[in-house]
C-alpha atoms as a PDB file:
ATOM      1  CA  MET A   1     -35.528   6.945   5.792  1.00  0.00           C
ATOM      2  CA  PHE A   2     -31.812   7.441   5.230  1.00  0.00           C
ATOM      3  CA  GLN A   3     -32.103  11.183   5.830  1.00  0.00           C
ATOM      4  CA  SER A   4     -33.817  10.416   9.130  1.00  0.00           C
ATOM      5  CA  ILE A   5     -30.923   8.153  10.130  1.00  0.00           C
ATOM      6  CA  VAL A   6     -28.419  10.854   9.203  1.00  0.00           C
ATOM      7  CA  ASP A   7     -30.385  13.403  11.245  1.00  0.00           C
ATOM      8  CA  ASP A   8     -30.415  11.056  14.253  1.00  0.00           C
ATOM      9  CA  ILE A   9     -26.639  10.589  14.002  1.00  0.00           C
ATOM     10  CA  LYS A  10     -26.051  14.343  13.738  1.00  0.00           C
ATOM     11  CA  ARG A  11     -28.266  14.955  16.759  1.00  0.00           C
ATOM     12  CA  GLU A  12     -26.496  12.277  18.788  1.00  0.00           C
ATOM     13  CA  LEU A  13     -23.078  13.695  17.886  1.00  0.00           C
ATOM     14  CA  ALA A  14     -24.225  17.164  18.888  1.00  0.00           C
ATOM     15  CA  THR A  15     -26.106  16.366  22.099  1.00  0.00           C
ATOM     16  CA  GLY A  16     -25.427  12.721  23.006  1.00  0.00           C
ATOM     17  CA  ASN A  17     -23.128  11.429  25.726  1.00  0.00           C
ATOM     18  CA  ILE A  18     -19.459  10.765  25.056  1.00  0.00           C
ATOM     19  CA  ILE A  19     -19.923   6.985  24.917  1.00  0.00           C
ATOM     20  CA  SER A  20     -22.474   7.294  22.114  1.00  0.00           C
ATOM     21  CA  ARG A  21     -20.182   9.681  20.275  1.00  0.00           C
ATOM     22  CA  LEU A  22     -17.213   7.324  20.537  1.00  0.00           C
ATOM     23  CA  VAL A  23     -19.327   4.457  19.226  1.00  0.00           C
ATOM     24  CA  ILE A  24     -20.537   6.560  16.286  1.00  0.00           C
ATOM     25  CA  VAL A  25     -17.015   7.721  15.405  1.00  0.00           C
ATOM     26  CA  ASN A  26     -15.643   4.168  15.530  1.00  0.00           C
ATOM     27  CA  LEU A  27     -18.548   2.876  13.456  1.00  0.00           C
ATOM     28  CA  GLY A  28     -18.105   5.674  10.920  1.00  0.00           C
ATOM     29  CA  VAL A  29     -14.393   4.953  10.493  1.00  0.00           C
ATOM     30  CA  PHE A  30     -15.164   1.227  10.167  1.00  0.00           C
ATOM     31  CA  LEU A  31     -17.654   1.904   7.365  1.00  0.00           C
ATOM     32  CA  LEU A  32     -15.206   4.160   5.528  1.00  0.00           C
ATOM     33  CA  VAL A  33     -12.453   1.547   5.750  1.00  0.00           C
ATOM     34  CA  ASN A  34     -14.685  -1.207   4.439  1.00  0.00           C
ATOM     35  CA  VAL A  35     -16.118   0.918   1.634  1.00  0.00           C
ATOM     36  CA  LEU A  36     -12.544   1.677   0.580  1.00  0.00           C
ATOM     37  CA  TRP A  37     -11.717  -2.050   0.772  1.00  0.00           C
ATOM     38  CA  PHE A  38     -14.684  -2.899  -1.460  1.00  0.00           C
ATOM     39  CA  VAL A  39     -13.988  -0.178  -4.027  1.00  0.00           C
ATOM     40  CA  LEU A  40     -10.280  -0.980  -4.323  1.00  0.00           C
ATOM     41  CA  LYS A  41     -10.985  -4.710  -4.518  1.00  0.00           C
ATOM     42  CA  MET A  42     -13.558  -4.274  -7.298  1.00  0.00           C
ATOM     43  CA  ALA A  43     -11.189  -1.973  -9.170  1.00  0.00           C
ATOM     44  CA  ASN A  44      -8.441  -4.600  -8.950  1.00  0.00           C
ATOM     45  CA  ALA A  45     -10.305  -7.559 -10.451  1.00  0.00           C
ATOM     46  CA  GLY A  46     -11.441  -8.947  -7.089  1.00  0.00           C
ATOM     47  CA  ALA A  47      -8.041  -8.913  -5.392  1.00  0.00           C
ATOM     48  CA  VAL A  48      -7.201  -6.555  -2.514  1.00  0.00           C
ATOM     49  CA  PRO A  49      -4.420  -4.273  -3.796  1.00  0.00           C
ATOM     50  CA  PRO A  50      -1.335  -3.240  -1.787  1.00  0.00           C
ATOM     51  CA  LEU A  51      -2.721   0.302  -1.741  1.00  0.00           C
ATOM     52  CA  TYR A  52      -5.390  -0.765   0.760  1.00  0.00           C
ATOM     53  CA  HIS A  53      -2.829  -2.170   3.192  1.00  0.00           C
ATOM     54  CA  ASP A  54      -0.654   0.907   2.733  1.00  0.00           C
ATOM     55  CA  PHE A  55      -3.660   3.018   3.703  1.00  0.00           C
ATOM     56  CA  LEU A  56      -4.273   1.002   6.883  1.00  0.00           C
ATOM     57  CA  HIS A  57      -0.598   1.048   7.840  1.00  0.00           C
ATOM     58  CA  PHE A  58      -0.492   4.811   7.400  1.00  0.00           C
ATOM     59  CA  PHE A  59      -2.905   5.144  10.350  1.00  0.00           C
ATOM     60  CA  SER A  60      -1.804   2.097  12.412  1.00  0.00           C
ATOM     61  CA  VAL A  61       0.862   1.831  15.089  1.00  0.00           C
ATOM     62  CA  SER A  62       3.856  -0.287  14.080  1.00  0.00           C
ATOM     63  CA  SER A  63       6.457  -2.495  15.704  1.00  0.00           C
ATOM     64  CA  SER A  64       8.961  -0.255  13.891  1.00  0.00           C
ATOM     65  CA  ILE A  65      10.043   2.780  15.888  1.00  0.00           C
ATOM     66  CA  MET A  66      10.851   4.687  12.701  1.00  0.00           C
ATOM     67  CA  HIS A  67       7.303   4.261  11.395  1.00  0.00           C
ATOM     68  CA  ASN A  68       5.878   5.579  14.661  1.00  0.00           C
ATOM     69  CA  ILE A  69       8.280   8.525  14.778  1.00  0.00           C
ATOM     70  CA  THR A  70       7.531   9.542  11.192  1.00  0.00           C
ATOM     71  CA  HIS A  71       3.791   8.896  11.666  1.00  0.00           C
ATOM     72  CA  PRO A  72       3.142  10.292  15.181  1.00  0.00           C
ATOM     73  CA  TRP A  73      -0.605  10.535  14.571  1.00  0.00           C
ATOM     74  CA  VAL A  74      -0.875   6.724  14.713  1.00  0.00           C
ATOM     75  CA  PHE A  75      -1.012   6.863  18.526  1.00  0.00           C
ATOM     76  CA  ILE A  76      -4.462   8.448  18.110  1.00  0.00           C
ATOM     77  CA  THR A  77      -5.740   7.271  14.725  1.00  0.00           C
ATOM     78  CA  SER A  78      -5.015   3.589  15.378  1.00  0.00           C
ATOM     79  CA  ILE A  79      -7.351   3.491  18.380  1.00  0.00           C
ATOM     80  CA  PHE A  80     -10.339   4.488  16.228  1.00  0.00           C
ATOM     81  CA  LEU A  81      -9.507   2.085  13.413  1.00  0.00           C
ATOM     82  CA  HIS A  82     -11.156  -1.324  12.953  1.00  0.00           C
ATOM     83  CA  GLU A  83     -11.090  -3.677   9.997  1.00  0.00           C
ATOM     84  CA  GLY A  84     -13.092  -6.684  11.216  1.00  0.00           C
ATOM     85  CA  PHE A  85     -16.760  -6.559  12.232  1.00  0.00           C
ATOM     86  CA  TRP A  86     -16.439  -8.761  15.328  1.00  0.00           C
ATOM     87  CA  HIS A  87     -13.428  -6.788  16.523  1.00  0.00           C
ATOM     88  CA  LEU A  88     -15.499  -3.608  16.326  1.00  0.00           C
ATOM     89  CA  LEU A  89     -18.643  -5.156  17.812  1.00  0.00           C
ATOM     90  CA  TRP A  90     -17.026  -6.512  20.974  1.00  0.00           C
ATOM     91  CA  ASN A  91     -15.009  -3.364  21.550  1.00  0.00           C
ATOM     92  CA  MET A  92     -18.109  -1.200  21.281  1.00  0.00           C
ATOM     93  CA  LEU A  93     -20.188  -3.480  23.500  1.00  0.00           C
ATOM     94  CA  PHE A  94     -17.496  -3.448  26.191  1.00  0.00           C
ATOM     95  CA  LEU A  95     -17.163   0.313  25.814  1.00  0.00           C
ATOM     96  CA  TYR A  96     -20.891   0.754  26.353  1.00  0.00           C
ATOM     97  CA  TRP A  97     -21.292  -1.753  29.208  1.00  0.00           C
ATOM     98  CA  PHE A  98     -18.291  -0.727  31.276  1.00  0.00           C
ATOM     99  CA  GLY A  99     -18.301   2.900  30.170  1.00  0.00           C
ATOM    100  CA  ARG A 100     -21.767   3.431  31.615  1.00  0.00           C
ATOM    101  CA  ILE A 101     -20.559   2.155  35.003  1.00  0.00           C
ATOM    102  CA  VAL A 102     -17.586   4.519  34.993  1.00  0.00           C
ATOM    103  CA  ALA A 103     -19.671   7.465  33.808  1.00  0.00           C
ATOM    104  CA  ASP A 104     -22.370   6.890  36.426  1.00  0.00           C
ATOM    105  CA  LEU A 105     -19.918   6.555  39.320  1.00  0.00           C
ATOM    106  CA  ILE A 106     -17.101   9.038  38.636  1.00  0.00           C
ATOM    107  CA  GLY A 107     -18.460  11.179  35.801  1.00  0.00           C
ATOM    108  CA  GLU A 108     -18.844  11.087  32.047  1.00  0.00           C
ATOM    109  CA  GLN A 109     -15.953  13.538  31.629  1.00  0.00           C
ATOM    110  CA  LYS A 110     -13.550  10.726  32.569  1.00  0.00           C
ATOM    111  CA  ILE A 111     -14.474   8.500  29.609  1.00  0.00           C
ATOM    112  CA  LEU A 112     -12.683  10.179  26.699  1.00  0.00           C
ATOM    113  CA  PRO A 113      -9.424  10.813  28.625  1.00  0.00           C
ATOM    114  CA  LEU A 114      -9.411   7.191  29.780  1.00  0.00           C
ATOM    115  CA  TYR A 115     -10.041   5.982  26.246  1.00  0.00           C
ATOM    116  CA  LEU A 116      -7.220   8.118  24.840  1.00  0.00           C
ATOM    117  CA  LEU A 117      -4.717   7.428  27.616  1.00  0.00           C
ATOM    118  CA  GLY A 118      -5.448   3.697  27.521  1.00  0.00           C
ATOM    119  CA  GLY A 119      -5.161   3.607  23.730  1.00  0.00           C
ATOM    120  CA  ILE A 120      -1.848   5.479  23.684  1.00  0.00           C
ATOM    121  CA  THR A 121      -0.435   3.286  26.445  1.00  0.00           C
ATOM    122  CA  GLY A 122      -1.587   0.238  24.490  1.00  0.00           C
ATOM    123  CA  CYS A 123       0.319   1.471  21.429  1.00  0.00           C
ATOM    124  CA  ILE A 124       3.468   1.856  23.510  1.00  0.00           C
ATOM    125  CA  ALA A 125       2.958  -1.588  25.044  1.00  0.00           C
ATOM    126  CA  PHE A 126       2.516  -3.125  21.583  1.00  0.00           C
ATOM    127  CA  TRP A 127       5.825  -1.634  20.429  1.00  0.00           C
ATOM    128  CA  THR A 128       7.579  -2.653  23.674  1.00  0.00           C
ATOM    129  CA  GLY A 129       6.379  -6.241  23.288  1.00  0.00           C
ATOM    130  CA  ALA A 130       7.728  -6.289  19.730  1.00  0.00           C
ATOM    131  CA  GLN A 131      11.185  -5.402  21.004  1.00  0.00           C
ATOM    132  CA  LEU A 132      11.036  -8.034  23.753  1.00  0.00           C
ATOM    133  CA  LEU A 133       9.625 -10.936  21.731  1.00  0.00           C
ATOM    134  CA  ASN A 134      10.872  -9.911  18.292  1.00  0.00           C
ATOM    135  CA  TYR A 135       7.526  -9.889  16.488  1.00  0.00           C
ATOM    136  CA  SER A 136       6.666  -7.418  13.751  1.00  0.00           C
ATOM    137  CA  GLY A 137       3.530  -5.934  12.301  1.00  0.00           C
ATOM    138  CA  PHE A 138       0.895  -3.273  12.844  1.00  0.00           C
ATOM    139  CA  ALA A 139      -1.795  -2.786  15.483  1.00  0.00           C
ATOM    140  CA  LEU A 140      -5.181  -1.098  15.263  1.00  0.00           C
ATOM    141  CA  GLY A 141      -8.389  -1.049  17.275  1.00  0.00           C
ATOM    142  CA  ALA A 142      -9.964   0.438  20.392  1.00  0.00           C
ATOM    143  CA  SER A 143      -9.212  -2.565  22.600  1.00  0.00           C
ATOM    144  CA  ALA A 144      -6.531  -0.915  24.759  1.00  0.00           C
ATOM    145  CA  GLY A 145      -8.637   2.183  25.382  1.00  0.00           C
ATOM    146  CA  VAL A 146     -11.644   0.008  26.194  1.00  0.00           C
ATOM    147  CA  MET A 147      -9.595  -2.154  28.578  1.00  0.00           C
ATOM    148  CA  ALA A 148      -8.523   0.981  30.449  1.00  0.00           C
ATOM    149  CA  ILE A 149     -12.218   1.726  31.014  1.00  0.00           C
ATOM    150  CA  VAL A 150     -12.904  -1.915  31.942  1.00  0.00           C
ATOM    151  CA  MET A 151     -10.118  -1.868  34.545  1.00  0.00           C
ATOM    152  CA  THR A 152     -11.326   1.442  35.944  1.00  0.00           C
ATOM    153  CA  ALA A 153     -14.842   0.052  36.336  1.00  0.00           C
ATOM    154  CA  GLY A 154     -13.488  -3.020  38.108  1.00  0.00           C
ATOM    155  CA  MET A 155     -11.496  -0.922  40.573  1.00  0.00           C
ATOM    156  CA  ILE A 156     -14.178   1.607  41.465  1.00  0.00           C
ATOM    157  CA  ALA A 157     -17.052  -0.896  41.660  1.00  0.00           C
ATOM    158  CA  PRO A 158     -15.616  -4.388  42.248  1.00  0.00           C
ATOM    159  CA  ASP A 159     -18.836  -5.767  43.767  1.00  0.00           C
ATOM    160  CA  TYR A 160     -21.126  -4.371  41.069  1.00  0.00           C
ATOM    161  CA  ASN A 161     -23.240  -7.189  39.600  1.00  0.00           C
ATOM    162  CA  MET A 162     -23.451  -7.719  35.853  1.00  0.00           C
ATOM    163  CA  ARG A 163     -25.954 -10.184  34.418  1.00  0.00           C
ATOM    164  CA  LEU A 164     -24.289 -12.552  31.947  1.00  0.00           C
ATOM    165  CA  LEU A 165     -26.194 -14.686  29.472  1.00  0.00           C
ATOM    166  CA  LEU A 166     -26.621 -18.308  30.645  1.00  0.00           C
ATOM    167  CA  ILE A 167     -24.717 -17.540  33.871  1.00  0.00           C
ATOM    168  CA  GLY A 168     -26.626 -14.864  35.758  1.00  0.00           C
ATOM    169  CA  ASP A 169     -25.270 -12.182  38.079  1.00  0.00           C
ATOM    170  CA  VAL A 170     -21.480 -12.044  38.367  1.00  0.00           C
ATOM    171  CA  LYS A 171     -19.483  -9.513  40.343  1.00  0.00           C
ATOM    172  CA  LEU A 172     -17.540  -7.094  38.179  1.00  0.00           C
ATOM    173  CA  LYS A 173     -14.203  -7.923  39.791  1.00  0.00           C
ATOM    174  CA  TYR A 174     -14.402 -11.518  38.554  1.00  0.00           C
ATOM    175  CA  ILE A 175     -15.284 -10.488  35.004  1.00  0.00           C
ATOM    176  CA  VAL A 176     -12.358  -8.058  34.861  1.00  0.00           C
ATOM    177  CA  ALA A 177      -9.994 -10.636  36.373  1.00  0.00           C
ATOM    178  CA  VAL A 178     -10.951 -13.213  33.730  1.00  0.00           C
ATOM    179  CA  LEU A 179     -10.382 -10.704  30.927  1.00  0.00           C
ATOM    180  CA  ILE A 180      -6.944  -9.822  32.298  1.00  0.00           C
ATOM    181  CA  PHE A 181      -5.908 -13.461  32.696  1.00  0.00           C
ATOM    182  CA  VAL A 182      -7.034 -14.207  29.136  1.00  0.00           C
ATOM    183  CA  ASP A 183      -4.548 -11.607  27.911  1.00  0.00           C
ATOM    184  CA  ILE A 184      -1.787 -12.809  30.226  1.00  0.00           C
ATOM    185  CA  PHE A 185      -2.184 -16.403  29.065  1.00  0.00           C
ATOM    186  CA  GLY A 186      -2.473 -15.154  25.496  1.00  0.00           C
ATOM    187  CA  LEU A 187       1.088 -13.836  25.648  1.00  0.00           C
ATOM    188  CA  ALA A 188       2.296 -17.423  25.587  1.00  0.00           C
ATOM    189  CA  SER A 189       0.519 -18.156  22.310  1.00  0.00           C
ATOM    190  CA  ASP A 190       1.597 -17.250  18.825  1.00  0.00           C
ATOM    191  CA  TYR A 191      -1.745 -15.599  18.034  1.00  0.00           C
ATOM    192  CA  ASN A 192      -2.215 -11.852  18.466  1.00  0.00           C
ATOM    193  CA  THR A 193       0.665 -11.529  20.924  1.00  0.00           C
ATOM    194  CA  GLY A 194       1.003  -7.834  20.170  1.00  0.00           C
ATOM    195  CA  GLY A 195      -2.715  -7.356  20.752  1.00  0.00           C
ATOM    196  CA  HIS A 196      -2.454  -8.937  24.196  1.00  0.00           C
ATOM    197  CA  PHE A 197       0.423  -6.613  25.059  1.00  0.00           C
ATOM    198  CA  ALA A 198      -1.713  -3.649  23.967  1.00  0.00           C
ATOM    199  CA  HIS A 199      -4.676  -4.818  26.069  1.00  0.00           C
ATOM    200  CA  LEU A 200      -2.483  -5.143  29.151  1.00  0.00           C
ATOM    201  CA  GLY A 201      -1.109  -1.680  28.481  1.00  0.00           C
ATOM    202  CA  GLY A 202      -4.661  -0.366  28.650  1.00  0.00           C
ATOM    203  CA  VAL A 203      -5.253  -2.321  31.866  1.00  0.00           C
ATOM    204  CA  MET A 204      -2.140  -0.763  33.392  1.00  0.00           C
ATOM    205  CA  MET A 205      -3.336   2.728  32.474  1.00  0.00           C
ATOM    206  CA  GLY A 206      -6.760   2.111  34.037  1.00  0.00           C
ATOM    207  CA  TRP A 207      -5.082   0.895  37.227  1.00  0.00           C
ATOM    208  CA  LEU A 208      -2.760   3.921  37.413  1.00  0.00           C
ATOM    209  CA  PHE A 209      -5.630   6.282  36.611  1.00  0.00           C
ATOM    210  CA  VAL A 210      -7.697   5.111  39.576  1.00  0.00           C
ATOM    211  CA  LEU A 211      -4.684   5.084  41.926  1.00  0.00           C
ATOM    212  CA  GLN A 212      -3.929   8.694  41.002  1.00  0.00           C
ATOM    213  CA  LEU A 213      -7.578   9.655  41.333  1.00  0.00           C
ATOM    214  CA  ARG A 214      -7.586   8.292  44.875  1.00  0.00           C
ATOM    215  CA  GLU A 215      -4.538  10.456  45.601  1.00  0.00           C
ATOM    216  CA  GLY A 216      -6.387  13.514  44.387  1.00  0.00           C
ATOM    217  CA  ASN A 217      -4.729  13.699  40.967  1.00  0.00           C
ATOM    218  CA  ASP A 218      -7.312  13.738  38.177  1.00  0.00           C
ATOM    219  CA  TRP A 219      -5.481  12.979  34.925  1.00  0.00           C
ATOM    220  CA  ALA A 220      -8.756  13.433  33.040  1.00  0.00           C
ATOM    221  CA  GLU A 221      -8.833  17.129  33.923  1.00  0.00           C
ATOM    222  CA  GLY A 222      -5.534  17.794  32.158  1.00  0.00           C
ATOM    223  CA  ILE A 223      -6.628  15.900  29.045  1.00  0.00           C
ATOM    224  CA  ASN A 224      -9.980  17.678  28.931  1.00  0.00           C
ATOM    225  CA  ASN A 225      -8.305  21.077  29.310  1.00  0.00           C
ATOM    226  CA  LEU A 226      -5.976  20.254  26.423  1.00  0.00           C
ATOM    227  CA  LEU A 227      -8.889  19.136  24.246  1.00  0.00           C
ATOM    228  CA  ARG A 228     -10.790  22.349  25.026  1.00  0.00           C
ATOM    229  CA  LYS A 229      -7.789  24.453  24.021  1.00  0.00           C
ATOM    230  CA  ILE A 230      -7.500  22.537  20.750  1.00  0.00           C
ATOM    231  CA  ALA A 231     -11.228  23.006  20.094  1.00  0.00           C
ATOM    232  CA  ASP A 232     -11.006  26.722  20.895  1.00  0.00           C
ATOM    233  CA  PHE A 233      -8.050  27.090  18.532  1.00  0.00           C
ATOM    234  CA  PHE A 234     -10.085  25.759  15.605  1.00  0.00           C
ATOM    235  CA  SER A 235     -13.348  27.488  16.529  1.00  0.00           C
ATOM    236  CA  GLU A 236     -14.456  30.812  15.080  1.00  0.00           C
ATOM    237  CA  PRO A 237     -13.348  33.890  17.066  1.00  0.00           C
ATOM    238  CA  LYS A 238     -16.106  35.497  19.101  1.00  0.00           C
ATOM    239  CA  LYS A 239     -17.414  38.876  18.039  1.00  0.00           C
ATOM    240  CA  ALA A 240     -16.239  41.681  20.305  1.00  0.00           C
ATOM    241  CA  ALA A 241     -18.910  44.240  19.366  1.00  0.00           C
ATOM    242  CA  PRO A 242     -21.579  43.294  21.938  1.00  0.00           C
ATOM    243  CA  LYS A 243     -19.091  43.703  24.791  1.00  0.00           C
ATOM    244  CA  ARG A 244     -19.098  47.539  24.570  1.00  0.00           C
ATOM    245  CA  THR A 245     -22.894  47.635  24.583  1.00  0.00           C
ATOM    246  CA  MET A 246     -23.150  45.417  27.627  1.00  0.00           C
ATOM    247  CA  ALA A 247     -20.431  47.283  29.455  1.00  0.00           C
ATOM    248  CA  LYS A 248     -22.258  50.562  28.811  1.00  0.00           C
ATOM    249  CA  GLU A 249     -25.557  49.073  29.970  1.00  0.00           C
ATOM    250  CA  ARG A 250     -23.911  47.775  33.120  1.00  0.00           C
ATOM    251  CA  THR A 251     -22.483  51.202  33.942  1.00  0.00           C
ATOM    252  CA  LEU A 252     -25.837  52.936  33.459  1.00  0.00           C
ATOM    253  CA  ILE A 253     -27.665  50.399  35.578  1.00  0.00           C
ATOM    254  CA  VAL A 254     -25.183  50.554  38.419  1.00  0.00           C
ATOM    255  CA  LYS A 255     -24.656  54.307  38.464  1.00  0.00           C
ATOM    256  CA  LYS A 256     -28.129  55.611  37.677  1.00  0.00           C
ATOM    257  CA  HIS A 257     -30.353  53.195  39.554  1.00  0.00           C
ATOM    258  CA  TYR A 258     -29.070  50.667  42.006  1.00  0.00           C
ATOM    259  CA  THR A 259     -26.265  52.743  43.491  1.00  0.00           C
ATOM    260  CA  LYS A 260     -28.844  55.353  44.497  1.00  0.00           C
ATOM    261  CA  ARG A 261     -32.019  53.413  45.235  1.00  0.00           C
ATOM    262  CA  ASN A 262     -31.216  49.871  46.316  1.00  0.00           C
ATOM    263  CA  THR A 263     -30.747  49.755  50.070  1.00  0.00           C
ATOM    264  CA  GLU A 264     -30.092  46.018  50.292  1.00  0.00           C
ATOM    265  CA  LEU A 265     -27.103  45.628  47.970  1.00  0.00           C
ATOM    266  CA  SER A 266     -23.845  47.515  47.934  1.00  0.00           C
ATOM    267  CA  GLU A 267     -22.498  48.912  44.685  1.00  0.00           C
ATOM    268  CA  ASP A 268     -19.947  46.101  44.421  1.00  0.00           C
ATOM    269  CA  GLU A 269     -22.619  43.447  45.001  1.00  0.00           C
ATOM    270  CA  VAL A 270     -24.897  44.978  42.383  1.00  0.00           C
ATOM    271  CA  GLU A 271     -22.085  45.231  39.858  1.00  0.00           C
ATOM    272  CA  GLU A 272     -21.075  41.623  40.488  1.00  0.00           C
ATOM    273  CA  ARG A 273     -24.645  40.449  39.945  1.00  0.00           C
ATOM    274  CA  ILE A 274     -25.008  42.495  36.764  1.00  0.00           C
ATOM    275  CA  ASP A 275     -21.698  41.079  35.492  1.00  0.00           C
ATOM    276  CA  LEU A 276     -22.939  37.511  35.971  1.00  0.00           C
ATOM    277  CA  ILE A 277     -26.214  38.183  34.164  1.00  0.00           C
ATOM    278  CA  LEU A 278     -24.570  39.953  31.240  1.00  0.00           C
ATOM    279  CA  GLU A 279     -21.971  37.218  30.894  1.00  0.00           C
ATOM    280  CA  LYS A 280     -24.830  34.727  30.714  1.00  0.00           C
ATOM    281  CA  ILE A 281     -26.443  36.794  27.939  1.00  0.00           C
ATOM    282  CA  LYS A 282     -23.147  36.853  26.101  1.00  0.00           C
ATOM    283  CA  ALA A 283     -22.692  33.100  26.332  1.00  0.00           C
ATOM    284  CA  LYS A 284     -26.250  31.811  25.854  1.00  0.00           C
ATOM    285  CA  GLY A 285     -28.435  34.715  24.731  1.00  0.00           C
ATOM    286  CA  TYR A 286     -31.131  36.772  26.446  1.00  0.00           C
ATOM    287  CA  GLU A 287     -33.709  33.967  26.344  1.00  0.00           C
ATOM    288  CA  SER A 288     -31.529  31.836  28.614  1.00  0.00           C
ATOM    289  CA  LEU A 289     -32.214  34.182  31.550  1.00  0.00           C
ATOM    290  CA  THR A 290     -34.635  33.221  34.297  1.00  0.00           C
ATOM    291  CA  LYS A 291     -37.678  35.357  34.986  1.00  0.00           C
ATOM    292  CA  GLU A 292     -35.997  36.797  38.064  1.00  0.00           C
ATOM    293  CA  GLU A 293     -32.911  37.786  36.064  1.00  0.00           C
ATOM    294  CA  LYS A 294     -35.024  39.415  33.340  1.00  0.00           C
ATOM    295  CA  ASP A 295     -37.015  41.321  35.965  1.00  0.00           C
ATOM    296  CA  PHE A 296     -33.786  42.456  37.560  1.00  0.00           C
ATOM    297  CA  LEU A 297     -32.548  44.016  34.308  1.00  0.00           C
ATOM    298  CA  ASN A 298     -35.960  45.313  33.140  1.00  0.00           C
ATOM    299  CA  ASN A 299     -36.556  47.028  36.486  1.00  0.00           C
ATOM    300  CA  ALA A 300     -33.184  48.711  36.302  1.00  0.00           C
ATOM    301  CA  SER A 301     -33.720  49.875  32.721  1.00  0.00           C
ATOM    302  CA  SER A 302     -37.185  51.273  33.368  1.00  0.00           C
ATOM    303  CA  ARG A 303     -35.965  53.443  36.263  1.00  0.00           C
ATOM    304  CA  ARG A 304     -32.811  54.787  34.594  1.00  0.00           C
END
């Protein structure tokens, strides 16, 4: 049973949508944190040792500028870090509900950049609030990134109806407005003031993101390009050997067959078509070709 669950998680991480992947990553980090909490507590006669809090603080954003400067990774790690179950549950539910709206309307490729940009802005807002109101502490959680997605959903589909338990259909713009006002009013309380600042930072990022998108500036594209470059940097280098074989095959096909016998395509057109097919073989393998593409190459080879 457990192996089946592990296999399902691996498959979802490999082929699932970005929302599912974000939920799995957040859940995985949550489980690791709580396993560590349990182990350290049991090893310390039932009391949570300072080492556990030091571990959390190492990955959390702080009201101290020096901590953030010397721990720059906290602007990313803190937005995947949860300690409480309810904190995680509501963040993941909001991510799923509002993320699906954003993904369906403006594309799934916007979700991760929004989550990251909103989370980073939330970290900055948390620190800014600490300087203004003189509170201190650490912040963690996906709330700011999720609120960026919530705000984006509210701006691109304000009249979208969501069915709420015991209430019925409510337009999205009213749900988002209530969530924002909860955070604004929460600034006046002494409870989770820094968290409310972080949430509003995420809201601000979602608002700016949509405004820029309407102006033709897609901030998600830049983030996705950066993430692809990082992934390429850590990926295994591609083998160069097949390139010579394909280049040779292309030359033979063009020079010995189509340049002499094909009356419909010019040499440049044939070469361009061959290039596209061979690049597809290089990227996805021969079996990825359509029947027409295979016939194209087989016909050329048989008449060489």
